[in-house]
């Protein structure tokens, strides 16, 4: 069993409903929910949009490997209406599910990098992550999530 930290984001449609649906599908298919942060309204990051985001972090206990987890989250995104993942350019999206960390695993493959390489630079990730995991240490940077948030 592993503890997985996932970032959730949405900026089109019923944003609150999108996060609730994604959380429910993750709980149903991936593992037991240990924590779910509040929803944070944030400005778009990396692109211009008139739509603000709602972001949250969910913590799950799962038997899935990181790659199985990636595949499961992608399937949920597709079922919810997200056709294309970001390819370096960002855009509006009905749902985005990012793997932030899985335990203290460090993975660097073509398909997956863990911990997420930009998480500690994004307020919209770190605020909800600190809410649910303030003392968890970043496996590469060696600092707690609270410490990383205070540096933003």
Protein backbone atom coordinates (compact mmCIF):
# COMPACT_ATOMS: atom_id res chain seq x y z
CA UNK A 1 0.00 0.00 0.00
CA UNK A 2 1.17 3.49 -0.83
CA UNK A 3 0.06 6.98 0.08
CA UNK A 4 -0.61 9.04 -3.03
CA UNK A 5 -0.99 12.82 -3.13
CA UNK A 6 -2.96 14.10 -6.13
CA UNK A 7 -3.69 17.63 -7.24
CA UNK A 8 -7.11 18.34 -8.73
CA UNK A 9 -8.02 21.36 -10.84
CA UNK A 10 -10.88 22.60 -13.00
CA UNK A 11 -11.87 25.89 -14.59
CA UNK A 12 -14.86 25.14 -16.84
CA UNK A 13 -18.37 23.85 -16.27
CA UNK A 14 -19.63 23.10 -12.78
CA UNK A 15 -16.24 23.44 -11.12
CA UNK A 16 -17.31 22.32 -7.65
CA UNK A 17 -19.18 19.39 -9.18
CA UNK A 18 -16.14 18.48 -11.29
CA UNK A 19 -13.93 18.24 -8.20
CA UNK A 20 -16.55 16.25 -6.30
CA UNK A 21 -16.99 13.85 -9.22
CA UNK A 22 -13.25 13.36 -9.67
CA UNK A 23 -12.81 12.75 -5.94
CA UNK A 24 -15.65 10.22 -5.89
CA UNK A 25 -14.27 8.35 -8.91
CA UNK A 26 -10.79 8.26 -7.37
CA UNK A 27 -12.26 6.90 -4.13
CA UNK A 28 -14.26 4.29 -6.04
CA UNK A 29 -11.48 3.12 -8.35
CA UNK A 30 -8.10 3.93 -6.87
CA UNK A 31 -8.12 3.66 -3.10
CA UNK A 32 -9.29 4.87 0.27
CA UNK A 33 -9.46 8.63 0.78
CA UNK A 34 -7.34 9.65 3.74
CA UNK A 35 -7.86 13.40 3.30
CA UNK A 36 -9.41 15.92 0.94
CA UNK A 37 -8.49 19.58 1.17
CA UNK A 38 -10.83 22.50 0.88
CA UNK A 39 -11.36 23.90 -2.61
CA UNK A 40 -9.24 26.93 -3.46
CA UNK A 41 -10.20 29.47 -6.12
CA UNK A 42 -7.10 30.48 -8.06
CA UNK A 43 -6.06 32.39 -11.14
CA UNK A 44 -4.86 30.45 -14.21
CA UNK A 45 -1.15 29.57 -14.13
CA UNK A 46 0.91 29.56 -17.29
CA UNK A 47 -1.83 30.84 -19.62
CA UNK A 48 -4.51 33.52 -19.97
CA UNK A 49 -8.16 32.68 -19.33
CA UNK A 50 -11.21 34.53 -18.10
CA UNK A 51 -12.07 31.44 -16.03
CA UNK A 52 -10.66 31.02 -12.53
CA UNK A 53 -9.75 27.57 -11.26
CA UNK A 54 -10.92 25.53 -8.32
CA UNK A 55 -8.08 23.42 -6.94
CA UNK A 56 -7.84 20.77 -4.24
CA UNK A 57 -5.56 17.97 -3.08
CA UNK A 58 -6.70 14.45 -2.31
CA UNK A 59 -4.67 11.91 -0.33
CA UNK A 60 -5.34 8.25 -1.08
CA UNK A 61 -4.13 4.92 0.24
CA UNK A 62 -3.73 2.75 -2.84
CA UNK A 63 -2.41 -0.59 -4.01
CA UNK A 64 -1.78 0.88 -7.46
CA UNK A 65 1.75 1.38 -8.75
CA UNK A 66 2.50 4.96 -9.83
CA UNK A 67 2.05 4.02 -13.51
CA UNK A 68 -1.26 2.26 -12.78
CA UNK A 69 -2.30 5.35 -10.85
CA UNK A 70 -1.35 7.57 -13.79
CA UNK A 71 -3.41 5.40 -16.15
CA UNK A 72 -6.40 5.40 -13.79
CA UNK A 73 -6.34 9.18 -13.40
CA UNK A 74 -6.06 9.67 -17.15
CA UNK A 75 -9.07 7.40 -17.68
CA UNK A 76 -11.11 9.46 -15.20
CA UNK A 77 -10.09 12.66 -17.00
CA UNK A 78 -11.21 11.19 -20.34
CA UNK A 79 -14.53 9.99 -18.92
CA UNK A 80 -15.16 13.45 -17.48
CA UNK A 81 -14.56 15.04 -20.89
CA UNK A 82 -10.90 15.98 -20.99
CA UNK A 83 -9.61 14.87 -24.33
CA UNK A 84 -6.05 16.15 -24.37
CA UNK A 85 -3.42 16.56 -21.65
CA UNK A 86 -1.20 19.62 -21.67
CA UNK A 87 1.70 19.29 -24.07
CA UNK A 88 3.69 22.22 -22.74
CA UNK A 89 0.94 24.74 -23.43
CA UNK A 90 -1.85 25.14 -20.90
CA UNK A 91 -5.55 25.66 -21.61
CA UNK A 92 -8.97 25.57 -19.98
CA UNK A 93 -9.92 22.16 -18.69
CA UNK A 94 -12.89 20.38 -17.18
CA UNK A 95 -10.58 18.35 -14.91
CA UNK A 96 -6.89 17.93 -14.34
CA UNK A 97 -5.54 15.25 -12.03
CA UNK A 98 -1.82 15.50 -11.32
CA UNK A 99 0.21 12.95 -9.41
CA UNK A 100 2.18 15.03 -6.94
CA UNK A 101 3.87 12.32 -4.86
CA UNK A 102 3.55 8.64 -4.08
CA UNK A 103 5.13 7.99 -0.70
CA UNK A 104 8.77 9.02 -1.02
CA UNK A 105 9.22 7.49 -4.46
CA UNK A 106 11.46 9.26 -6.95
CA UNK A 107 10.65 8.36 -10.55
CA UNK A 108 11.95 9.93 -13.72
CA UNK A 109 10.64 8.31 -16.90
CA UNK A 110 9.25 9.61 -20.16
CA UNK A 111 5.69 9.08 -18.90
CA UNK A 112 6.02 10.09 -15.28
CA UNK A 113 8.15 12.26 -13.04
CA UNK A 114 7.66 11.98 -9.27
CA UNK A 115 7.58 14.04 -7.24
CA UNK A 116 5.85 16.43 -9.62
CA UNK A 117 8.64 18.72 -10.84
CA UNK A 118 6.70 21.98 -10.50
CA UNK A 119 4.58 21.33 -7.41
CA UNK A 120 6.75 23.34 -5.01
CA UNK A 121 6.54 26.38 -7.33
CA UNK A 122 2.74 26.45 -7.52
CA UNK A 123 0.73 28.15 -4.81
CA UNK A 124 -2.44 26.45 -6.09
CA UNK A 125 -0.83 23.07 -5.31
CA UNK A 126 1.02 23.92 -2.12
CA UNK A 127 -1.83 25.64 -0.23
CA UNK A 128 -4.20 22.66 -0.38
CA UNK A 129 -1.30 20.20 0.03
CA UNK A 130 -0.16 21.90 3.23
CA UNK A 131 -3.73 21.73 4.52
CA UNK A 132 -3.72 17.91 4.31
CA UNK A 133 0.00 17.06 4.65
CA UNK A 134 1.94 19.90 6.32
CA UNK A 135 4.71 17.73 7.76
CA UNK A 136 5.22 15.40 4.81
CA UNK A 137 8.72 15.85 3.37
CA UNK A 138 9.48 16.37 -0.29
CA UNK A 139 11.65 13.35 -1.20
CA UNK A 140 14.03 15.38 -3.36
CA UNK A 141 14.14 18.78 -1.65
CA UNK A 142 14.10 17.35 1.89
CA UNK A 143 11.76 20.05 3.22
CA UNK A 144 8.26 19.73 4.61
CA UNK A 145 5.33 20.94 2.58
CA UNK A 146 4.88 23.77 5.12
CA UNK A 147 8.48 24.85 4.63
CA UNK A 148 8.11 24.81 0.85
CA UNK A 149 4.91 26.85 1.02
CA UNK A 150 6.58 29.45 3.21
CA UNK A 151 9.25 29.89 0.50
CA UNK A 152 6.69 30.76 -2.20
